Amino acid sequence: MRSQSTNVFVILDQLFQNPYIKIPEAASLLKSHHPTAKNNIGLLVQNGILEERSGKKKDRIFYAPKIKEILEK
């Protein structure tokens, strides 16, 4: 079992490949359950790294605008 900070870094690393992520994708990436992925995505939202862009309650899409900006340079 990985620590929460390790999980966050795994998600961050993926965001540099693609600055968009959904909770099921994060769960698959982390090899964890939905609540674990949701909590880690929530930490990134709270810290201003991710923003929810879909406006939905289900199948939400999260976006890392600063990372996308770096990737476009």
Protein backbone atom coordinates (compact mmCIF):
# COMPACT_ATOMS: atom_id res chain seq x y z
CA MET A 1 0.00 0.00 0.00
CA ARG A 2 1.42 3.35 -1.05
CA SER A 3 1.24 6.50 1.00
CA GLN A 4 -1.11 9.27 -0.01
CA SER A 5 1.80 11.55 -0.96
CA THR A 6 3.21 8.81 -3.22
CA ASN A 7 -0.21 8.44 -4.87
CA VAL A 8 -0.37 12.18 -5.49
CA PHE A 9 3.06 12.08 -7.17
CA VAL A 10 1.96 9.16 -9.37
CA ILE A 11 -1.06 11.20 -10.51
CA LEU A 12 1.10 14.30 -11.04
CA ASP A 13 3.51 12.31 -13.18
CA GLN A 14 0.59 11.14 -15.34
CA LEU A 15 -0.67 14.70 -15.68
CA PHE A 16 2.57 15.59 -17.46
CA GLN A 17 1.62 12.98 -20.07
CA ASN A 18 -1.99 14.21 -20.30
CA PRO A 19 -3.25 17.15 -18.20
CA TYR A 20 -6.79 15.69 -18.07
CA ILE A 21 -7.84 12.85 -15.77
CA LYS A 22 -10.99 11.16 -14.48
CA ILE A 23 -11.30 9.40 -11.13
CA PRO A 24 -11.61 5.90 -12.70
CA GLU A 25 -8.40 6.56 -14.66
CA ALA A 26 -6.65 7.63 -11.45
CA ALA A 27 -7.92 4.50 -9.67
CA SER A 28 -6.54 2.32 -12.46
CA LEU A 29 -3.24 4.20 -12.45
CA LEU A 30 -2.92 3.82 -8.68
CA LYS A 31 -4.22 0.23 -8.72
CA SER A 32 -6.63 1.33 -6.02
CA HIS A 33 -10.32 1.71 -5.36
CA HIS A 34 -12.47 4.67 -6.39
CA PRO A 35 -12.50 6.35 -2.90
CA THR A 36 -8.69 6.37 -2.74
CA ALA A 37 -8.40 7.93 -6.19
CA LYS A 38 -11.16 10.42 -5.39
CA ASN A 39 -9.36 11.50 -2.20
CA ASN A 40 -6.07 11.99 -4.05
CA ILE A 41 -7.75 13.95 -6.85
CA GLY A 42 -9.45 16.01 -4.14
CA LEU A 43 -6.08 16.91 -2.62
CA LEU A 44 -4.87 18.14 -5.99
CA VAL A 45 -8.05 20.21 -6.39
CA GLN A 46 -7.68 21.69 -2.89
CA ASN A 47 -4.11 22.69 -3.67
CA GLY A 48 -5.04 24.39 -6.93
CA ILE A 49 -3.33 21.90 -9.24
CA LEU A 50 -6.50 20.39 -10.70
CA GLU A 51 -9.82 21.97 -11.60
CA GLU A 52 -13.06 20.13 -12.30
CA ARG A 53 -14.09 21.04 -15.85
CA SER A 54 -17.11 18.92 -16.75
CA GLY A 55 -19.69 20.36 -14.35
CA LYS A 56 -21.12 16.87 -13.86
CA LYS A 57 -21.67 14.83 -10.71
CA LYS A 58 -20.57 11.62 -12.45
CA ASP A 59 -17.79 11.10 -14.97
CA ARG A 60 -16.15 14.32 -13.88
CA ILE A 61 -13.12 15.47 -15.81
CA PHE A 62 -10.28 17.15 -13.95
CA TYR A 63 -7.81 19.42 -15.67
CA ALA A 64 -4.36 20.76 -14.71
CA PRO A 65 -4.19 24.16 -16.44
CA LYS A 66 -0.66 25.07 -15.29
CA ILE A 67 0.70 21.73 -16.46
CA LYS A 68 -1.06 22.13 -19.81
CA GLU A 69 0.50 25.58 -20.11
CA ILE A 70 3.98 24.09 -19.49
CA LEU A 71 3.40 21.32 -22.03
CA GLU A 72 2.34 23.81 -24.71
CA LYS A 73 5.59 25.81 -24.45
